[in-house]
Structure formats: structure tokens, C-alpha cells
C-alpha atoms as a PDB file:
ATOM      1  CA  MET A   1      78.156  83.324 222.908  1.00  0.00           C
ATOM      2  CA  THR A   2      80.131  79.903 222.083  1.00  0.00           C
ATOM      3  CA  ALA A   3      83.853  80.147 222.469  1.00  0.00           C
ATOM      4  CA  LYS A   4      84.598  80.099 218.333  1.00  0.00           C
ATOM      5  CA  ASN A   5      82.114  83.510 218.461  1.00  0.00           C
ATOM      6  CA  HIS A   6      84.940  85.604 220.575  1.00  0.00           C
ATOM      7  CA  ILE A   7      86.648  87.944 219.417  1.00  0.00           C
ATOM      8  CA  THR A   8      90.366  89.386 220.229  1.00  0.00           C
ATOM      9  CA  PRO A   9      90.071  93.288 221.147  1.00  0.00           C
ATOM     10  CA  LEU A  10      92.343  93.825 217.901  1.00  0.00           C
ATOM     11  CA  GLN A  11      89.931  92.162 215.645  1.00  0.00           C
ATOM     12  CA  LEU A  12      86.936  94.092 217.318  1.00  0.00           C
ATOM     13  CA  PHE A  13      89.225  97.167 217.014  1.00  0.00           C
ATOM     14  CA  GLY A  14      89.066  96.795 213.088  1.00  0.00           C
ATOM     15  CA  ILE A  15      85.678  95.326 213.262  1.00  0.00           C
ATOM     16  CA  ILE A  16      84.728  98.994 214.557  1.00  0.00           C
ATOM     17  CA  LEU A  17      87.219 101.138 212.670  1.00  0.00           C
ATOM     18  CA  GLN A  18      85.963  99.609 209.030  1.00  0.00           C
ATOM     19  CA  SER A  19      82.311  99.845 210.122  1.00  0.00           C
ATOM     20  CA  GLN A  20      82.583 103.981 210.501  1.00  0.00           C
ATOM     21  CA  ILE A  21      85.194 104.287 207.299  1.00  0.00           C
ATOM     22  CA  GLY A  22      82.876 103.026 204.077  1.00  0.00           C
ATOM     23  CA  ILE A  23      83.002 103.669 200.565  1.00  0.00           C
ATOM     24  CA  ALA A  24      81.159 106.631 201.149  1.00  0.00           C
ATOM     25  CA  ILE A  25      83.665 108.378 202.417  1.00  0.00           C
ATOM     26  CA  LEU A  26      84.698 109.047 198.787  1.00  0.00           C
ATOM     27  CA  THR A  27      81.716 111.189 197.720  1.00  0.00           C
ATOM     28  CA  MET A  28      81.657 112.543 201.231  1.00  0.00           C
ATOM     29  CA  PRO A  29      83.009 115.931 200.527  1.00  0.00           C
ATOM     30  CA  TYR A  30      80.778 117.131 197.959  1.00  0.00           C
ATOM     31  CA  GLU A  31      77.997 115.806 199.554  1.00  0.00           C
ATOM     32  CA  LEU A  32      79.078 117.764 202.595  1.00  0.00           C
ATOM     33  CA  PHE A  33      79.473 120.991 200.640  1.00  0.00           C
ATOM     34  CA  LYS A  34      76.226 120.974 198.848  1.00  0.00           C
ATOM     35  CA  GLU A  35      74.375 121.351 202.350  1.00  0.00           C
ATOM     36  CA  ALA A  36      76.866 122.784 205.205  1.00  0.00           C
ATOM     37  CA  LYS A  37      79.190 124.977 202.456  1.00  0.00           C
ATOM     38  CA  PHE A  38      82.390 126.010 203.839  1.00  0.00           C
ATOM     39  CA  ASP A  39      81.265 124.953 207.612  1.00  0.00           C
ATOM     40  CA  SER A  40      81.237 120.825 206.329  1.00  0.00           C
ATOM     41  CA  TRP A  41      84.105 120.094 208.643  1.00  0.00           C
ATOM     42  CA  LEU A  42      82.191 121.373 211.674  1.00  0.00           C
ATOM     43  CA  SER A  43      79.050 118.586 210.466  1.00  0.00           C
ATOM     44  CA  ILE A  44      81.867 115.902 210.538  1.00  0.00           C
ATOM     45  CA  LEU A  45      82.692 116.743 213.820  1.00  0.00           C
ATOM     46  CA  LEU A  46      79.507 116.705 215.163  1.00  0.00           C
ATOM     47  CA  THR A  47      78.452 113.318 213.225  1.00  0.00           C
ATOM     48  CA  GLY A  48      81.855 111.668 214.670  1.00  0.00           C
ATOM     49  CA  LEU A  49      80.946 112.910 217.933  1.00  0.00           C
ATOM     50  CA  PHE A  50      77.071 111.517 217.876  1.00  0.00           C
ATOM     51  CA  ILE A  51      78.663 107.900 216.128  1.00  0.00           C
ATOM     52  CA  GLN A  52      81.171 107.663 219.179  1.00  0.00           C
ATOM     53  CA  ILE A  53      78.386 108.118 221.410  1.00  0.00           C
ATOM     54  CA  LEU A  54      76.271 105.433 219.767  1.00  0.00           C
ATOM     55  CA  ILE A  55      79.134 103.145 219.784  1.00  0.00           C
ATOM     56  CA  PHE A  56      79.391 103.908 223.480  1.00  0.00           C
ATOM     57  CA  LEU A  57      75.935 103.089 224.132  1.00  0.00           C
ATOM     58  CA  HIS A  58      76.213  99.624 222.092  1.00  0.00           C
ATOM     59  CA  TRP A  59      79.475  99.017 224.294  1.00  0.00           C
ATOM     60  CA  PHE A  60      77.300  99.578 227.348  1.00  0.00           C
ATOM     61  CA  LEU A  61      74.211  97.439 226.436  1.00  0.00           C
ATOM     62  CA  ALA A  62      76.779  94.806 225.348  1.00  0.00           C
ATOM     63  CA  ARG A  63      78.459  94.757 228.675  1.00  0.00           C
ATOM     64  CA  ARG A  64      75.232  94.656 230.668  1.00  0.00           C
ATOM     65  CA  TYR A  65      73.718  91.788 228.489  1.00  0.00           C
ATOM     66  CA  PRO A  66      77.081  89.991 227.723  1.00  0.00           C
ATOM     67  CA  THR A  67      75.463  86.328 226.687  1.00  0.00           C
ATOM     68  CA  SER A  68      72.873  88.173 224.184  1.00  0.00           C
ATOM     69  CA  ASN A  69      72.973  89.396 220.804  1.00  0.00           C
ATOM     70  CA  PHE A  70      71.917  92.849 219.100  1.00  0.00           C
ATOM     71  CA  PHE A  71      68.289  91.629 218.558  1.00  0.00           C
ATOM     72  CA  GLU A  72      67.946  89.884 222.026  1.00  0.00           C
ATOM     73  CA  ILE A  73      69.134  93.020 224.116  1.00  0.00           C
ATOM     74  CA  ILE A  74      66.346  94.965 221.979  1.00  0.00           C
ATOM     75  CA  THR A  75      63.533  92.402 222.852  1.00  0.00           C
ATOM     76  CA  LYS A  76      64.583  92.458 226.642  1.00  0.00           C
ATOM     77  CA  LEU A  77      64.481  95.862 226.722  1.00  0.00           C
ATOM     78  CA  LEU A  78      61.447  96.999 224.856  1.00  0.00           C
ATOM     79  CA  GLY A  79      59.221  93.855 225.240  1.00  0.00           C
ATOM     80  CA  ARG A  80      58.483  91.042 223.005  1.00  0.00           C
ATOM     81  CA  LYS A  81      55.857  93.121 220.602  1.00  0.00           C
ATOM     82  CA  LEU A  82      57.896  96.258 220.367  1.00  0.00           C
ATOM     83  CA  GLY A  83      61.330  94.676 220.361  1.00  0.00           C
ATOM     84  CA  ILE A  84      60.432  92.148 217.716  1.00  0.00           C
ATOM     85  CA  PHE A  85      58.869  95.017 215.426  1.00  0.00           C
ATOM     86  CA  LEU A  86      61.941  97.282 216.272  1.00  0.00           C
ATOM     87  CA  CYS A  87      64.462  94.359 214.744  1.00  0.00           C
ATOM     88  CA  PHE A  88      62.214  94.151 211.405  1.00  0.00           C
ATOM     89  CA  LEU A  89      62.749  97.487 210.998  1.00  0.00           C
ATOM     90  CA  TYR A  90      66.434  97.529 211.874  1.00  0.00           C
ATOM     91  CA  SER A  91      66.668  94.461 209.371  1.00  0.00           C
ATOM     92  CA  ILE A  92      64.865  96.345 206.602  1.00  0.00           C
ATOM     93  CA  TYR A  93      66.572  99.514 207.341  1.00  0.00           C
ATOM     94  CA  PHE A  94      70.546  97.970 207.095  1.00  0.00           C
ATOM     95  CA  ILE A  95      69.116  96.035 203.848  1.00  0.00           C
ATOM     96  CA  CYS A  96      68.289  98.995 202.179  1.00  0.00           C
ATOM     97  CA  LEU A  97      71.320 100.615 203.268  1.00  0.00           C
ATOM     98  CA  SER A  98      73.474  97.686 201.959  1.00  0.00           C
ATOM     99  CA  SER A  99      71.654  97.927 198.610  1.00  0.00           C
ATOM    100  CA  ILE A 100      72.822 101.828 198.569  1.00  0.00           C
ATOM    101  CA  VAL A 101      76.341 101.022 199.684  1.00  0.00           C
ATOM    102  CA  LEU A 102      76.598  98.155 196.912  1.00  0.00           C
ATOM    103  CA  SER A 103      75.246 100.759 194.262  1.00  0.00           C
ATOM    104  CA  LEU A 104      77.629 103.167 195.332  1.00  0.00           C
ATOM    105  CA  TYR A 105      80.389 101.075 195.528  1.00  0.00           C
ATOM    106  CA  SER A 106      79.728  99.440 191.716  1.00  0.00           C
ATOM    107  CA  ASN A 107      78.991 102.986 190.529  1.00  0.00           C
ATOM    108  CA  ILE A 108      82.501 104.595 191.799  1.00  0.00           C
ATOM    109  CA  ILE A 109      84.240 101.225 190.476  1.00  0.00           C
ATOM    110  CA  ALA A 110      82.789 101.862 187.161  1.00  0.00           C
ATOM    111  CA  ASP A 111      83.573 105.225 186.805  1.00  0.00           C
ATOM    112  CA  TRP A 112      87.159 105.185 188.029  1.00  0.00           C
ATOM    113  CA  LEU A 113      88.477 101.803 187.644  1.00  0.00           C
ATOM    114  CA  LEU A 114      86.429  99.311 185.403  1.00  0.00           C
ATOM    115  CA  PRO A 115      84.550 101.823 182.996  1.00  0.00           C
ATOM    116  CA  HIS A 116      83.666  99.009 180.384  1.00  0.00           C
ATOM    117  CA  THR A 117      82.574  96.410 182.988  1.00  0.00           C
ATOM    118  CA  PRO A 118      78.896  95.923 183.357  1.00  0.00           C
ATOM    119  CA  HIS A 119      77.779  97.022 186.660  1.00  0.00           C
ATOM    120  CA  TRP A 120      76.176  93.592 187.473  1.00  0.00           C
ATOM    121  CA  VAL A 121      79.544  91.921 187.464  1.00  0.00           C
ATOM    122  CA  THR A 122      80.967  94.119 190.162  1.00  0.00           C
ATOM    123  CA  LYS A 123      77.726  93.580 192.419  1.00  0.00           C
ATOM    124  CA  ALA A 124      78.129  89.990 191.829  1.00  0.00           C
ATOM    125  CA  LEU A 125      81.365  89.886 192.716  1.00  0.00           C
ATOM    126  CA  MET A 126      81.018  92.141 195.917  1.00  0.00           C
ATOM    127  CA  ILE A 127      78.009  90.205 197.038  1.00  0.00           C
ATOM    128  CA  SER A 128      79.937  86.638 196.730  1.00  0.00           C
ATOM    129  CA  ILE A 129      82.860  88.191 198.926  1.00  0.00           C
ATOM    130  CA  ALA A 130      80.547  89.320 201.040  1.00  0.00           C
ATOM    131  CA  ILE A 131      78.592  86.003 201.592  1.00  0.00           C
ATOM    132  CA  TYR A 132      82.112  84.029 201.699  1.00  0.00           C
ATOM    133  CA  VAL A 133      82.837  86.241 204.794  1.00  0.00           C
ATOM    134  CA  VAL A 134      79.631  86.327 206.270  1.00  0.00           C
ATOM    135  CA  LYS A 135      78.757  82.747 206.288  1.00  0.00           C
ATOM    136  CA  ASP A 136      81.705  82.005 208.874  1.00  0.00           C
ATOM    137  CA  ASN A 137      81.773  82.757 212.210  1.00  0.00           C
ATOM    138  CA  LEU A 138      82.505  86.344 213.996  1.00  0.00           C
ATOM    139  CA  ARG A 139      86.156  85.208 214.095  1.00  0.00           C
ATOM    140  CA  VAL A 140      86.644  85.273 210.568  1.00  0.00           C
ATOM    141  CA  ILE A 141      84.840  88.447 210.364  1.00  0.00           C
ATOM    142  CA  GLY A 142      87.022  90.234 213.080  1.00  0.00           C
ATOM    143  CA  ARG A 143      90.312  88.625 210.988  1.00  0.00           C
ATOM    144  CA  PHE A 144      88.690  90.108 207.639  1.00  0.00           C
ATOM    145  CA  PHE A 145      88.302  93.399 208.925  1.00  0.00           C
ATOM    146  CA  LEU A 146      91.556  93.603 210.750  1.00  0.00           C
ATOM    147  CA  LEU A 147      93.377  92.815 207.669  1.00  0.00           C
ATOM    148  CA  CYS A 148      91.469  95.882 205.730  1.00  0.00           C
ATOM    149  CA  THR A 149      92.467  97.892 208.598  1.00  0.00           C
ATOM    150  CA  PHE A 150      96.329  97.198 208.176  1.00  0.00           C
ATOM    151  CA  VAL A 151      95.831  97.779 204.641  1.00  0.00           C
ATOM    152  CA  SER A 152      94.244 100.910 204.919  1.00  0.00           C
ATOM    153  CA  ILE A 153      97.027 102.115 207.297  1.00  0.00           C
ATOM    154  CA  PHE A 154      98.862 102.619 204.677  1.00  0.00           C
ATOM    155  CA  MET A 155      96.577 105.277 203.241  1.00  0.00           C
ATOM    156  CA  ILE A 156      97.445 107.759 206.379  1.00  0.00           C
ATOM    157  CA  PRO A 157     100.686 108.744 204.487  1.00  0.00           C
ATOM    158  CA  LEU A 158      99.034 109.665 201.479  1.00  0.00           C
ATOM    159  CA  THR A 159      96.219 111.516 203.415  1.00  0.00           C
ATOM    160  CA  PHE A 160      99.120 113.523 205.096  1.00  0.00           C
ATOM    161  CA  TYR A 161     100.954 113.978 201.553  1.00  0.00           C
ATOM    162  CA  SER A 162      97.821 115.585 200.321  1.00  0.00           C
ATOM    163  CA  LEU A 163      98.022 118.179 203.175  1.00  0.00           C
ATOM    164  CA  LYS A 164     101.366 119.539 202.513  1.00  0.00           C
ATOM    165  CA  ASP A 165      99.807 122.378 200.505  1.00  0.00           C
ATOM    166  CA  GLY A 166      97.035 123.128 203.212  1.00  0.00           C
ATOM    167  CA  THR A 167      96.191 125.530 205.522  1.00  0.00           C
ATOM    168  CA  LEU A 168      94.451 126.263 208.512  1.00  0.00           C
ATOM    169  CA  LEU A 169      92.985 129.899 207.132  1.00  0.00           C
ATOM    170  CA  ASN A 170      90.860 127.371 204.666  1.00  0.00           C
ATOM    171  CA  ILE A 171      88.345 126.712 207.404  1.00  0.00           C
ATOM    172  CA  LEU A 172      87.409 130.648 208.394  1.00  0.00           C
ATOM    173  CA  PRO A 173      84.974 131.935 208.711  1.00  0.00           C
ATOM    174  CA  ILE A 174      83.658 129.393 211.302  1.00  0.00           C
ATOM    175  CA  GLY A 175      79.764 129.280 211.470  1.00  0.00           C
ATOM    176  CA  PHE A 176      79.601 131.420 208.389  1.00  0.00           C
ATOM    177  CA  SER A 177      76.817 128.965 207.416  1.00  0.00           C
ATOM    178  CA  ASN A 178      74.781 129.081 210.448  1.00  0.00           C
ATOM    179  CA  TYR A 179      73.440 126.389 212.682  1.00  0.00           C
ATOM    180  CA  LEU A 180      70.733 125.112 210.178  1.00  0.00           C
ATOM    181  CA  PRO A 181      73.065 123.680 207.186  1.00  0.00           C
ATOM    182  CA  ILE A 182      75.408 122.515 209.663  1.00  0.00           C
ATOM    183  CA  LEU A 183      72.967 120.515 211.325  1.00  0.00           C
ATOM    184  CA  LYS A 184      71.727 119.085 207.874  1.00  0.00           C
ATOM    185  CA  GLY A 185      75.258 118.493 206.546  1.00  0.00           C
ATOM    186  CA  THR A 186      75.480 116.525 210.068  1.00  0.00           C
ATOM    187  CA  HIS A 187      72.351 114.365 209.362  1.00  0.00           C
ATOM    188  CA  GLU A 188      74.380 113.966 205.569  1.00  0.00           C
ATOM    189  CA  ALA A 189      77.297 113.051 206.817  1.00  0.00           C
ATOM    190  CA  PHE A 190      75.663 110.254 209.418  1.00  0.00           C
ATOM    191  CA  PHE A 191      74.153 108.373 206.663  1.00  0.00           C
ATOM    192  CA  LEU A 192      77.186 108.412 204.784  1.00  0.00           C
ATOM    193  CA  LEU A 193      79.499 107.496 207.493  1.00  0.00           C
END
């Protein structure tokens, strides 16, 4: 890795945090309630635990192979043919996921903020911002995500304000939906986060 691609631990924190918080967090409560009903919060906890395990595994592999990127690590671990095939599937998956996120974000912007703006305009703006950020090195991406992290810190007091009328009795009865809907909700939350 070149020196210009090194990032600070604070920038890494911003990248990890912003990778976990996506646009789907706005639609997640409804989508999870459809699957897990009143035990949706258990699905979110299980999903968070699973994601933290995946982050730890990725960190462990990055420490073991410090000079390799993710695709090189996969080919080293699984062999050339299987590694290249898996990297291809991984790339296709994230292209599809990016398209879904772009569409969701565009729909939310159109519904809440700019109802008379064509969808292609908001999508073109988002794609141009993404290209502007991604065309540079990892340090610039880390700085951008760190800036987004500082902006999202101001949303924490708003979250606590919305909980002023909440009570812990709202989570009762625990396990009412049985384990299968909770696991379905976990599956749904995994793809939303």
C-alpha cells in the first residue's frame, strides 16, 4: 500500500460507522415490523451482533495480510480460480446493492423533500458526488466519511428527544413472535444495514 492510501484511526472509524448507517435506516422500522412484529428490536440486536463479527473477521484478515486488498486476500485464501469467481460475484452483488440504495435514496428524496424533481436528476447528482469522492484515494474517502460522521453526531440529541415519551414496557412481551419471525427480521435488517 502506498503512503497516500494510509488513513488515520479516526478516518477508519468514520468509514466503519458510515458503512453501517445507510439510507435504509429510514425505512427499516416498517420493513422489520412486517417480518418480526413487536420483536423487531431483537432482530436489530442479532443483526448488529452478526455485523460486528463480520467486521472483526475483516479486521483480522487485514491484519494478517497488511499489504493486500480484499480481492487479493480472497484469491490467496481460496485459490486463483475460486477467488476470482468469488470476487466477481462480490462485485456484481455490490453493483446491484448500489443500484438499490440509489433508488431508495432517490425515492425518499422525492417523497419527502423534492416531490416535483425528476428522479433522474437526484440520481445523477448522487452518482456525480459518488464519482467525485471515489475517484480520489482512500484518504479523501476517509475524510469525507469522517465529515459525515461529525454531521450525524448532531442527530443523536434528536433521537433522545424522540424517546422522551417512550417507556420500556413497549418492548413487552419479549419473544411473542417466536424465533422464526425474529430470524426473518434479522435477515431483512442485515440487508437494510
